[in-house]
Amino acid sequence: MKSLNKVLLTASLALTCLPALAGHKDSGYDHARVVSAVPVYEIVRFPVDEQVCWEEQAWRPQPHSVAPTVLGAIVGGVVGHQFGGGHGKAALTVAGAAIGGTIGYNVAQRHHSGGPYPVAQTRCEIQRNWRTEERISAWDVTYKYRGGIYHTRMLEQPGKKIRVRVHVQPALYSPDY
């Protein structure tokens, strides 16, 4: 039983020390020389919102001017004030203003075209367009480690060397070897 414990203890110590005995600087890691790094592209489609504006014709109603009515009321009030006396003078001033205002309004209505008129109006809206773009999504890397050529895919562009994990595992005993 003691000899079996010694064998197991010796084997576990040997397995623990194998990376150091194999000449690795960091336990389980080493560096390999990069032979080539080729970018892997992907097509990316993304939305772009753009404001699009244009000119279009709109119709606006003619504004009604109150100036002829006001002017008519003033002139009518002045004329009405010229006649009569006492309370009659005030009544004729008010009546003259009312009649003058009505006449001014009617004159304005006869000379007013009344219809809407065209105006240029700028209109805008947001339109969604789609753009495509080629982007680097990864790098296919070929590297050389201890005489062997290996391949991997990396998300970042590598430098001249990459860090590799070294896994040492004992082989089963074979009397032929």
C-alpha atoms as a PDB file:
ATOM      1  CA  MET A   1       0.000   0.000   0.000  1.00  0.00           C
ATOM      2  CA  LYS A   2       2.873   2.341   0.842  1.00  0.00           C
ATOM      3  CA  SER A   3       4.489   1.768  -2.565  1.00  0.00           C
ATOM      4  CA  LEU A   4       1.203   2.593  -4.374  1.00  0.00           C
ATOM      5  CA  ASN A   5       0.987   5.911  -2.454  1.00  0.00           C
ATOM      6  CA  LYS A   6       4.580   6.709  -3.403  1.00  0.00           C
ATOM      7  CA  VAL A   7       3.862   6.016  -7.088  1.00  0.00           C
ATOM      8  CA  LEU A   8       0.748   8.189  -7.058  1.00  0.00           C
ATOM      9  CA  LEU A   9       2.561  11.027  -5.259  1.00  0.00           C
ATOM     10  CA  THR A  10       5.502  10.861  -7.679  1.00  0.00           C
ATOM     11  CA  ALA A  11       3.179  10.797 -10.714  1.00  0.00           C
ATOM     12  CA  SER A  12       1.185  13.817  -9.489  1.00  0.00           C
ATOM     13  CA  LEU A  13       4.396  15.779  -8.775  1.00  0.00           C
ATOM     14  CA  ALA A  14       5.720  14.922 -12.250  1.00  0.00           C
ATOM     15  CA  LEU A  15       2.492  16.051 -13.901  1.00  0.00           C
ATOM     16  CA  THR A  16       2.553  19.313 -11.953  1.00  0.00           C
ATOM     17  CA  CYS A  17       6.152  20.056 -12.951  1.00  0.00           C
ATOM     18  CA  LEU A  18       5.908  19.003 -16.629  1.00  0.00           C
ATOM     19  CA  PRO A  19       5.317  22.534 -18.017  1.00  0.00           C
ATOM     20  CA  ALA A  20       8.379  23.820 -16.154  1.00  0.00           C
ATOM     21  CA  LEU A  21      10.443  20.842 -17.323  1.00  0.00           C
ATOM     22  CA  ALA A  22       9.279  21.439 -20.928  1.00  0.00           C
ATOM     23  CA  GLY A  23      10.893  24.906 -20.854  1.00  0.00           C
ATOM     24  CA  HIS A  24       7.778  27.148 -20.775  1.00  0.00           C
ATOM     25  CA  LYS A  25       8.214  30.651 -19.335  1.00  0.00           C
ATOM     26  CA  ASP A  26       4.645  30.967 -18.011  1.00  0.00           C
ATOM     27  CA  SER A  27       3.008  27.886 -16.677  1.00  0.00           C
ATOM     28  CA  GLY A  28       0.643  26.727 -19.459  1.00  0.00           C
ATOM     29  CA  TYR A  29       1.313  29.671 -21.864  1.00  0.00           C
ATOM     30  CA  ASP A  30       3.873  30.557 -24.500  1.00  0.00           C
ATOM     31  CA  HIS A  31       4.167  32.838 -27.550  1.00  0.00           C
ATOM     32  CA  ALA A  32       3.905  31.861 -31.223  1.00  0.00           C
ATOM     33  CA  ARG A  33       5.024  33.832 -34.291  1.00  0.00           C
ATOM     34  CA  VAL A  34       2.217  35.126 -36.529  1.00  0.00           C
ATOM     35  CA  VAL A  35       2.716  34.083 -40.160  1.00  0.00           C
ATOM     36  CA  SER A  36      -0.328  35.885 -41.610  1.00  0.00           C
ATOM     37  CA  ALA A  37      -3.456  37.735 -40.535  1.00  0.00           C
ATOM     38  CA  VAL A  38      -6.268  38.069 -43.090  1.00  0.00           C
ATOM     39  CA  PRO A  39      -9.280  40.263 -42.278  1.00  0.00           C
ATOM     40  CA  VAL A  40     -12.737  38.664 -42.411  1.00  0.00           C
ATOM     41  CA  TYR A  41     -15.379  41.097 -43.700  1.00  0.00           C
ATOM     42  CA  GLU A  42     -19.093  41.178 -43.076  1.00  0.00           C
ATOM     43  CA  ILE A  43     -21.787  43.309 -44.708  1.00  0.00           C
ATOM     44  CA  VAL A  44     -23.579  45.460 -42.123  1.00  0.00           C
ATOM     45  CA  ARG A  45     -26.935  47.113 -42.925  1.00  0.00           C
ATOM     46  CA  PHE A  46     -28.052  50.015 -40.738  1.00  0.00           C
ATOM     47  CA  PRO A  47     -30.816  52.670 -40.857  1.00  0.00           C
ATOM     48  CA  VAL A  48     -30.094  56.335 -41.587  1.00  0.00           C
ATOM     49  CA  ASP A  49     -32.868  58.875 -40.976  1.00  0.00           C
ATOM     50  CA  GLU A  50     -32.681  61.906 -43.276  1.00  0.00           C
ATOM     51  CA  GLN A  51     -34.774  65.048 -43.466  1.00  0.00           C
ATOM     52  CA  VAL A  52     -36.130  65.584 -46.984  1.00  0.00           C
ATOM     53  CA  CYS A  53     -37.659  68.977 -47.884  1.00  0.00           C
ATOM     54  CA  TRP A  54     -39.480  70.225 -50.972  1.00  0.00           C
ATOM     55  CA  GLU A  55     -41.428  73.244 -52.195  1.00  0.00           C
ATOM     56  CA  GLU A  56     -45.108  72.935 -52.965  1.00  0.00           C
ATOM     57  CA  GLN A  57     -47.873  75.337 -53.872  1.00  0.00           C
ATOM     58  CA  ALA A  58     -50.455  76.129 -51.225  1.00  0.00           C
ATOM     59  CA  TRP A  59     -53.510  78.379 -51.390  1.00  0.00           C
ATOM     60  CA  ARG A  60     -54.081  81.080 -48.840  1.00  0.00           C
ATOM     61  CA  PRO A  61     -57.311  83.075 -48.461  1.00  0.00           C
ATOM     62  CA  GLN A  62     -57.140  86.798 -49.122  1.00  0.00           C
ATOM     63  CA  PRO A  63     -57.053  88.733 -45.886  1.00  0.00           C
ATOM     64  CA  HIS A  64     -59.895  91.190 -45.416  1.00  0.00           C
ATOM     65  CA  SER A  65     -58.733  94.703 -44.661  1.00  0.00           C
ATOM     66  CA  VAL A  66     -60.634  96.765 -42.103  1.00  0.00           C
ATOM     67  CA  ALA A  67     -58.992 100.001 -43.307  1.00  0.00           C
ATOM     68  CA  PRO A  68     -61.784 100.985 -45.774  1.00  0.00           C
ATOM     69  CA  THR A  69     -64.439 100.468 -43.101  1.00  0.00           C
ATOM     70  CA  VAL A  70     -62.511 102.489 -40.494  1.00  0.00           C
ATOM     71  CA  LEU A  71     -61.685 105.254 -42.982  1.00  0.00           C
ATOM     72  CA  GLY A  72     -65.351 105.421 -44.086  1.00  0.00           C
ATOM     73  CA  ALA A  73     -66.481 105.668 -40.448  1.00  0.00           C
ATOM     74  CA  ILE A  74     -64.047 108.518 -39.745  1.00  0.00           C
ATOM     75  CA  VAL A  75     -65.076 110.507 -42.840  1.00  0.00           C
ATOM     76  CA  GLY A  76     -68.792 109.874 -42.138  1.00  0.00           C
ATOM     77  CA  GLY A  77     -68.361 110.974 -38.509  1.00  0.00           C
ATOM     78  CA  VAL A  78     -66.616 114.201 -39.548  1.00  0.00           C
ATOM     79  CA  VAL A  79     -69.331 115.005 -42.131  1.00  0.00           C
ATOM     80  CA  GLY A  80     -72.136 114.167 -39.665  1.00  0.00           C
ATOM     81  CA  HIS A  81     -70.514 116.389 -37.043  1.00  0.00           C
ATOM     82  CA  GLN A  82     -70.836 119.412 -39.381  1.00  0.00           C
ATOM     83  CA  PHE A  83     -74.626 119.359 -39.170  1.00  0.00           C
ATOM     84  CA  GLY A  84     -77.039 119.867 -36.343  1.00  0.00           C
ATOM     85  CA  GLY A  85     -76.516 121.336 -32.918  1.00  0.00           C
ATOM     86  CA  GLY A  86     -76.586 120.162 -29.246  1.00  0.00           C
ATOM     87  CA  HIS A  87     -77.728 116.553 -28.850  1.00  0.00           C
ATOM     88  CA  GLY A  88     -78.534 116.436 -32.537  1.00  0.00           C
ATOM     89  CA  LYS A  89     -74.902 117.090 -33.407  1.00  0.00           C
ATOM     90  CA  ALA A  90     -73.794 113.975 -31.460  1.00  0.00           C
ATOM     91  CA  ALA A  91     -76.541 111.863 -33.033  1.00  0.00           C
ATOM     92  CA  LEU A  92     -75.598 113.028 -36.533  1.00  0.00           C
ATOM     93  CA  THR A  93     -71.900 112.301 -35.820  1.00  0.00           C
ATOM     94  CA  VAL A  94     -72.749 108.732 -34.791  1.00  0.00           C
ATOM     95  CA  ALA A  95     -75.103 108.275 -37.756  1.00  0.00           C
ATOM     96  CA  GLY A  96     -72.465 109.695 -40.144  1.00  0.00           C
ATOM     97  CA  ALA A  97     -69.840 107.327 -38.747  1.00  0.00           C
ATOM     98  CA  ALA A  98     -72.187 104.319 -39.153  1.00  0.00           C
ATOM     99  CA  ILE A  99     -73.157 105.269 -42.705  1.00  0.00           C
ATOM    100  CA  GLY A 100     -69.514 106.046 -43.650  1.00  0.00           C
ATOM    101  CA  GLY A 101     -68.335 102.733 -42.209  1.00  0.00           C
ATOM    102  CA  THR A 102     -71.006 100.835 -44.160  1.00  0.00           C
ATOM    103  CA  ILE A 103     -70.106 102.620 -47.407  1.00  0.00           C
ATOM    104  CA  GLY A 104     -66.376 101.915 -46.831  1.00  0.00           C
ATOM    105  CA  TYR A 105     -67.094  98.230 -46.175  1.00  0.00           C
ATOM    106  CA  ASN A 106     -69.233  97.893 -49.342  1.00  0.00           C
ATOM    107  CA  VAL A 107     -66.558  99.605 -51.490  1.00  0.00           C
ATOM    108  CA  ALA A 108     -63.912  97.240 -50.106  1.00  0.00           C
ATOM    109  CA  GLN A 109     -66.104  94.195 -50.890  1.00  0.00           C
ATOM    110  CA  ARG A 110     -66.624  95.300 -54.517  1.00  0.00           C
ATOM    111  CA  HIS A 111     -62.891  95.805 -55.133  1.00  0.00           C
ATOM    112  CA  HIS A 112     -61.758  92.744 -53.196  1.00  0.00           C
ATOM    113  CA  SER A 113     -61.129  89.661 -55.393  1.00  0.00           C
ATOM    114  CA  GLY A 114     -61.952  87.472 -52.420  1.00  0.00           C
ATOM    115  CA  GLY A 115     -60.389  84.274 -53.785  1.00  0.00           C
ATOM    116  CA  PRO A 116     -57.405  82.469 -52.377  1.00  0.00           C
ATOM    117  CA  TYR A 117     -53.940  83.152 -53.815  1.00  0.00           C
ATOM    118  CA  PRO A 118     -51.028  80.751 -54.376  1.00  0.00           C
ATOM    119  CA  VAL A 119     -47.951  80.785 -52.120  1.00  0.00           C
ATOM    120  CA  ALA A 120     -44.806  78.637 -52.089  1.00  0.00           C
ATOM    121  CA  GLN A 121     -44.616  76.527 -48.967  1.00  0.00           C
ATOM    122  CA  THR A 122     -41.683  74.405 -47.765  1.00  0.00           C
ATOM    123  CA  ARG A 123     -42.623  70.972 -46.412  1.00  0.00           C
ATOM    124  CA  CYS A 124     -40.265  68.488 -44.764  1.00  0.00           C
ATOM    125  CA  GLU A 125     -40.447  64.928 -43.527  1.00  0.00           C
ATOM    126  CA  ILE A 126     -38.059  62.359 -42.097  1.00  0.00           C
ATOM    127  CA  GLN A 127     -37.347  59.439 -44.431  1.00  0.00           C
ATOM    128  CA  ARG A 128     -35.584  56.252 -43.333  1.00  0.00           C
ATOM    129  CA  ASN A 129     -32.977  55.009 -45.756  1.00  0.00           C
ATOM    130  CA  TRP A 130     -30.739  51.974 -45.389  1.00  0.00           C
ATOM    131  CA  ARG A 131     -26.985  51.937 -45.877  1.00  0.00           C
ATOM    132  CA  THR A 132     -24.697  48.962 -46.205  1.00  0.00           C
ATOM    133  CA  GLU A 133     -21.071  48.909 -45.259  1.00  0.00           C
ATOM    134  CA  GLU A 134     -18.291  46.353 -45.223  1.00  0.00           C
ATOM    135  CA  ARG A 135     -16.665  46.001 -41.801  1.00  0.00           C
ATOM    136  CA  ILE A 136     -13.918  43.791 -40.440  1.00  0.00           C
ATOM    137  CA  SER A 137     -15.538  41.324 -38.066  1.00  0.00           C
ATOM    138  CA  ALA A 138     -12.563  39.052 -37.313  1.00  0.00           C
ATOM    139  CA  TRP A 139      -9.081  37.994 -38.407  1.00  0.00           C
ATOM    140  CA  ASP A 140      -8.053  34.593 -39.772  1.00  0.00           C
ATOM    141  CA  VAL A 141      -4.627  34.121 -38.224  1.00  0.00           C
ATOM    142  CA  THR A 142      -1.979  31.601 -39.229  1.00  0.00           C
ATOM    143  CA  TYR A 143       0.806  31.106 -36.677  1.00  0.00           C
ATOM    144  CA  LYS A 144       3.846  28.907 -36.221  1.00  0.00           C
ATOM    145  CA  TYR A 145       4.615  27.174 -32.937  1.00  0.00           C
ATOM    146  CA  ARG A 146       7.512  24.745 -32.429  1.00  0.00           C
ATOM    147  CA  GLY A 147       7.665  23.856 -36.126  1.00  0.00           C
ATOM    148  CA  GLY A 148       3.914  23.355 -36.582  1.00  0.00           C
ATOM    149  CA  ILE A 149       1.549  25.648 -38.517  1.00  0.00           C
ATOM    150  CA  TYR A 150      -1.772  26.428 -36.826  1.00  0.00           C
ATOM    151  CA  HIS A 151      -4.859  28.488 -37.638  1.00  0.00           C
ATOM    152  CA  THR A 152      -7.308  30.421 -35.487  1.00  0.00           C
ATOM    153  CA  ARG A 153      -9.849  33.207 -35.806  1.00  0.00           C
ATOM    154  CA  MET A 154      -9.417  36.287 -33.582  1.00  0.00           C
ATOM    155  CA  LEU A 155     -11.649  39.302 -32.965  1.00  0.00           C
ATOM    156  CA  GLU A 156      -8.696  41.732 -32.783  1.00  0.00           C
ATOM    157  CA  GLN A 157      -5.858  42.203 -35.256  1.00  0.00           C
ATOM    158  CA  PRO A 158      -2.823  40.346 -33.862  1.00  0.00           C
ATOM    159  CA  GLY A 159       0.688  41.696 -33.595  1.00  0.00           C
ATOM    160  CA  LYS A 160       3.845  39.834 -34.607  1.00  0.00           C
ATOM    161  CA  LYS A 161       3.269  37.238 -31.879  1.00  0.00           C
ATOM    162  CA  ILE A 162       0.241  35.803 -30.136  1.00  0.00           C
ATOM    163  CA  ARG A 163      -0.055  34.122 -26.780  1.00  0.00           C
ATOM    164  CA  VAL A 164      -0.908  30.428 -26.981  1.00  0.00           C
ATOM    165  CA  ARG A 165      -2.013  28.001 -24.309  1.00  0.00           C
ATOM    166  CA  VAL A 166       0.166  24.935 -24.017  1.00  0.00           C
ATOM    167  CA  HIS A 167      -1.492  21.842 -22.669  1.00  0.00           C
ATOM    168  CA  VAL A 168       0.788  18.984 -21.697  1.00  0.00           C
ATOM    169  CA  GLN A 169      -0.808  15.650 -20.985  1.00  0.00           C
ATOM    170  CA  PRO A 170       0.939  12.370 -20.234  1.00  0.00           C
ATOM    171  CA  ALA A 171       0.587   9.621 -22.795  1.00  0.00           C
ATOM    172  CA  LEU A 172      -0.288   6.101 -21.831  1.00  0.00           C
ATOM    173  CA  TYR A 173       2.716   3.874 -21.398  1.00  0.00           C
ATOM    174  CA  SER A 174       3.517   1.935 -24.496  1.00  0.00           C
ATOM    175  CA  PRO A 175       6.289  -0.680 -24.523  1.00  0.00           C
ATOM    176  CA  ASP A 176       6.885   0.004 -28.243  1.00  0.00           C
ATOM    177  CA  TYR A 177       7.997   3.546 -27.609  1.00  0.00           C
END
